[in-house]
Protein backbone atom coordinates (compact mmCIF):
# COMPACT_ATOMS: atom_id res chain seq x y z
CA MET A 1 58.99 11.67 11.87
CA PRO A 2 56.11 12.82 13.74
CA GLU A 3 55.04 15.00 11.23
CA THR A 4 55.43 12.13 8.95
CA GLY A 5 52.74 10.33 11.29
CA ALA A 6 50.73 13.67 11.44
CA ASN A 7 50.44 14.04 7.49
CA ALA A 8 49.51 10.46 7.07
CA ALA A 9 46.65 10.58 9.86
CA ARG A 10 45.85 13.77 7.97
CA ASP A 11 45.50 11.77 4.72
CA ARG A 12 43.37 8.96 6.02
CA GLN A 13 41.25 11.48 7.43
CA VAL A 14 41.28 13.05 3.77
CA GLY A 15 40.28 9.92 2.60
CA VAL A 16 37.74 8.47 4.66
CA ARG A 17 35.88 11.77 4.53
CA GLU A 18 36.19 11.94 0.62
CA LEU A 19 35.01 8.25 0.64
CA LEU A 20 32.02 8.64 2.94
CA ALA A 21 31.02 12.13 0.22
CA VAL A 22 31.16 9.86 -2.18
CA ILE A 23 28.69 7.46 -0.58
CA VAL A 24 26.57 10.38 0.24
CA LEU A 25 26.29 12.08 -3.21
CA SER A 26 25.58 8.66 -4.95
CA ILE A 27 22.67 7.28 -2.23
CA THR A 28 21.36 10.98 -2.45
CA ALA A 29 21.58 11.00 -6.35
CA VAL A 30 19.39 7.87 -6.57
CA LEU A 31 17.08 8.93 -4.13
CA THR A 32 16.14 12.71 -6.04
CA ALA A 33 15.94 10.38 -9.25
CA TRP A 34 13.20 8.21 -7.37
CA SER A 35 11.44 11.70 -5.50
CA GLY A 36 11.38 12.47 -9.09
CA PHE A 37 9.61 9.74 -10.67
CA GLU A 38 7.06 9.40 -7.48
CA ALA A 39 6.30 13.30 -7.83
CA SER A 40 5.45 12.53 -11.59
CA LYS A 41 3.34 9.74 -10.74
CA TRP A 42 1.32 11.29 -8.29
CA GLY A 43 1.12 14.65 -9.91
CA GLY A 44 -0.34 11.71 -13.38
CA GLU A 45 -2.76 10.42 -10.85
CA MET A 46 -3.87 13.89 -9.99
CA SER A 47 -4.85 14.88 -13.39
CA ILE A 48 -6.58 11.28 -13.60
CA ALA A 49 -8.52 12.26 -10.97
CA PHE A 50 -9.52 15.40 -11.75
CA SER A 51 -10.49 14.35 -15.22
CA ARG A 52 -12.73 11.49 -13.70
CA ALA A 53 -14.51 14.13 -11.21
CA SER A 54 -14.97 16.06 -13.77
CA GLY A 55 -16.38 13.35 -15.75
CA ALA A 56 -18.94 12.48 -13.12
CA ARG A 57 -19.79 16.16 -12.76
CA SER A 58 -20.95 16.42 -16.26
CA GLU A 59 -23.12 13.30 -15.38
CA ALA A 60 -24.61 14.42 -12.25
CA SER A 61 -25.63 17.65 -14.65
CA ARG A 62 -26.95 15.16 -17.21
CA SER A 63 -29.11 13.35 -14.20
CA ALA A 64 -30.20 16.65 -12.61
CA ALA A 65 -31.50 17.84 -15.87
CA GLU A 66 -33.52 14.84 -16.46
CA ALA A 67 -34.99 15.08 -13.10
CA ASP A 68 -36.10 18.67 -13.47
CA ALA A 69 -37.91 18.15 -16.78
CA ALA A 70 -39.29 15.28 -15.27
CA ARG A 71 -40.45 17.27 -12.04
CA THR A 72 -41.62 20.14 -14.27
CA PHE A 73 -43.57 17.59 -16.27
CA ASP A 74 -45.12 16.29 -12.95
CA LEU A 75 -45.86 19.91 -11.88
CA THR A 76 -47.93 20.88 -15.07
CA VAL A 77 -50.27 17.62 -14.78
CA PHE A 78 -50.69 17.99 -10.89
CA GLY A 79 -51.64 21.66 -11.64
CA VAL A 80 -54.38 20.45 -14.29
CA TYR A 81 -55.58 17.64 -11.58
CA VAL A 82 -56.03 20.66 -9.42
CA GLN A 83 -57.82 22.80 -10.82
CA ALA A 84 -60.12 19.61 -11.85
CA VAL A 85 -60.74 18.99 -8.69
CA ALA A 86 -61.69 22.62 -7.90
CA GLU A 87 -63.84 23.07 -10.49
CA GLY A 88 -65.12 19.55 -9.77
CA ASP A 89 -64.82 18.34 -13.40
CA ASP A 90 -64.99 14.35 -12.49
CA VAL A 91 -64.06 13.77 -16.14
CA LEU A 92 -61.17 15.63 -16.66
CA ARG A 93 -59.63 14.58 -13.56
CA GLN A 94 -59.99 10.74 -14.24
CA PHE A 95 -58.23 11.85 -17.34
CA VAL A 96 -55.63 13.50 -15.82
CA GLU A 97 -55.01 10.57 -13.18
CA THR A 98 -54.38 8.72 -16.30
CA ARG A 99 -51.62 10.97 -17.28
CA PHE A 100 -49.57 10.59 -14.15
CA THR A 101 -45.90 9.07 -14.63
CA ASP A 102 -45.23 5.72 -12.71
CA HIS A 103 -42.90 7.66 -10.20
CA PHE A 104 -45.17 10.42 -9.38
CA ALA A 105 -48.61 7.82 -9.20
CA VAL A 106 -46.30 6.06 -6.18
CA ALA A 107 -45.69 9.81 -4.87
CA PHE A 108 -49.56 10.70 -5.39
CA ASP A 109 -50.81 7.25 -3.76
CA ALA A 110 -48.89 8.07 -0.40
CA TRP A 111 -50.52 11.76 -0.26
CA VAL A 112 -53.80 10.78 -0.85
CA ALA A 113 -53.40 7.87 1.94
CA THR A 114 -52.75 10.86 4.59
CA SER A 115 -56.37 12.57 3.85
CA PRO A 116 -54.47 15.63 2.65
CA LEU A 117 -58.73 17.23 2.87
CA GLU A 118 -59.13 16.17 6.26
CA ASP A 119 -55.74 16.52 7.86
CA PRO A 120 -54.26 19.87 7.91
CA ASP A 121 -50.97 18.40 9.07
CA ALA A 122 -50.76 16.40 6.29
CA PRO A 123 -48.10 17.17 3.56
CA LYS A 124 -49.06 19.87 1.31
CA GLY A 125 -48.57 17.83 -2.00
CA PRO A 126 -47.27 15.02 -3.58
CA PHE A 127 -44.16 16.45 -4.45
CA ALA A 128 -43.70 16.86 -0.25
CA MET A 129 -43.61 12.76 0.03
CA PRO A 130 -40.42 10.87 0.43
CA GLU A 131 -42.13 8.36 -2.23
CA TYR A 132 -41.40 11.21 -4.99
CA ARG A 133 -38.52 10.07 -6.45
CA PRO A 134 -38.17 12.17 -10.21
CA PRO A 135 -36.04 9.85 -12.66
CA GLY A 136 -32.43 11.12 -12.63
CA GLU A 137 -32.61 12.39 -8.83
CA ALA A 138 -30.88 9.55 -7.56
CA GLU A 139 -28.52 9.33 -9.99
CA ALA A 140 -27.57 12.96 -10.09
CA ALA A 141 -27.08 12.48 -6.41
CA ASP A 142 -24.33 9.67 -6.56
CA ALA A 143 -22.78 11.19 -8.95
CA ASP A 144 -22.03 14.33 -6.81
CA ALA A 145 -20.78 12.37 -4.21
CA ARG A 146 -18.27 10.49 -6.82
CA ALA A 147 -16.85 13.32 -8.53
CA ASP A 148 -16.39 14.90 -4.34
CA ALA A 149 -14.77 12.11 -3.42
CA LEU A 150 -12.47 11.85 -6.58
CA PHE A 151 -11.86 15.58 -6.11
CA ALA A 152 -10.99 15.09 -2.57
CA ASP A 153 -8.48 12.28 -4.36
CA ALA A 154 -7.13 14.65 -6.62
CA LEU A 155 -6.06 17.19 -4.08
CA GLU A 156 -4.67 14.32 -1.92
CA ASN A 157 -2.56 13.22 -4.84
CA ASN A 158 -1.30 16.84 -5.59
CA GLN A 159 -0.20 17.11 -1.96
CA ARG A 160 1.83 13.92 -2.49
CA GLY A 161 3.08 15.04 -5.30
CA ASP A 162 4.00 18.43 -3.90
CA ASP A 163 5.80 16.58 -1.23
CA TYR A 164 8.09 14.37 -3.47
CA THR A 165 9.02 17.55 -4.77
CA LEU A 166 10.14 19.22 -1.80
CA LEU A 167 11.89 16.17 -1.20
CA THR A 168 14.21 16.39 -4.24
CA VAL A 169 14.67 20.17 -2.83
CA LEU A 170 15.81 18.53 0.47
CA PHE A 171 18.38 16.06 -1.59
CA ALA A 172 19.61 18.89 -3.44
CA LEU A 173 20.92 20.65 0.00
CA VAL A 174 22.19 17.00 0.67
CA LEU A 175 23.72 17.00 -2.58
CA PHE A 176 25.36 20.53 -2.13
CA PHE A 177 26.82 20.44 1.44
CA ALA A 178 28.28 17.08 0.64
CA ALA A 179 30.17 18.39 -2.41
CA ILE A 180 31.18 21.66 -0.82
CA SER A 181 32.88 19.71 2.23
CA GLN A 182 35.26 18.88 0.17
CA ARG A 183 36.44 22.66 -0.03
CA PRO A 184 37.12 24.31 2.89
CA ARG A 185 40.76 23.98 4.27
CA SER A 186 39.79 23.42 7.67
CA THR A 187 39.18 19.73 8.55
CA THR A 188 36.76 20.30 11.77
CA LEU A 189 34.82 22.72 9.24
CA ALA A 190 34.74 19.92 6.36
CA TRP A 191 33.52 17.21 8.72
CA VAL A 192 30.96 19.41 10.03
CA VAL A 193 29.62 20.58 6.72
CA LEU A 194 29.72 16.95 5.70
CA GLY A 195 28.25 15.85 8.63
CA PHE A 196 25.02 18.37 8.35
CA ALA A 197 24.82 16.61 4.73
CA VAL A 198 24.18 13.40 6.12
CA VAL A 199 21.51 14.54 8.67
CA LEU A 200 19.75 16.25 6.00
CA LEU A 201 19.92 12.49 3.87
CA LEU A 202 18.73 10.87 7.39
CA VAL A 203 15.88 13.32 7.36
CA GLY A 204 15.15 12.57 3.78
CA VAL A 205 15.28 9.15 4.15
CA GLY A 206 12.98 8.75 6.90
CA LEU A 207 10.18 11.13 4.80
CA LEU A 208 11.06 8.90 1.58
CA ILE A 209 9.60 6.09 3.67
CA SER A 210 6.63 7.80 5.26
CA PHE A 211 5.24 8.99 1.90
CA PRO A 212 3.20 6.82 0.07
CA LYS A 213 4.54 5.46 -3.13
CA ILE A 214 2.92 4.41 -6.07
CA ILE A 215 5.07 2.13 -9.16
């Protein structure tokens, strides 16, 4: 009779352990699938952010090219103006002034107001004035800033995807230890292995809760 009672107690322990293992396996399987889903979604967000960053960078290049072209034109016209002033050719000087672009004319007037001929500390030319803003320059700066922000978002999304991928590896370990916990003949060893699987599962659940999610 005592042996029968011991066998019954042992069978109950085995039954409880098997039930707990099944619960751990079921929960972990669901969480593994969810982690894989999140890793895939964040990978998609990363690709979108990289694509948008590339588009913003191309926009910045186009705007910068526009600003460079405007600056080259202004430099050429101003060079003729300086030559006319140096040669005392008022007709040519007045003609060139009528060819100033609108954005350059604003900077030129501000530069003239500093009395550059009398003040040695005055800016060396209209291009050194804060008023000189060729078209495309501000747009290029804005596009560059957007590209930098989108690139940073892409890197962050990539890291989030990697975090979820590592989480799937952690849950795979939980599945492994929960499965082999049924194999040892030693009851103590079986409980230790299953307990380790439960600890890993709790760690994984804690990480999963802390990670940002996207649906």
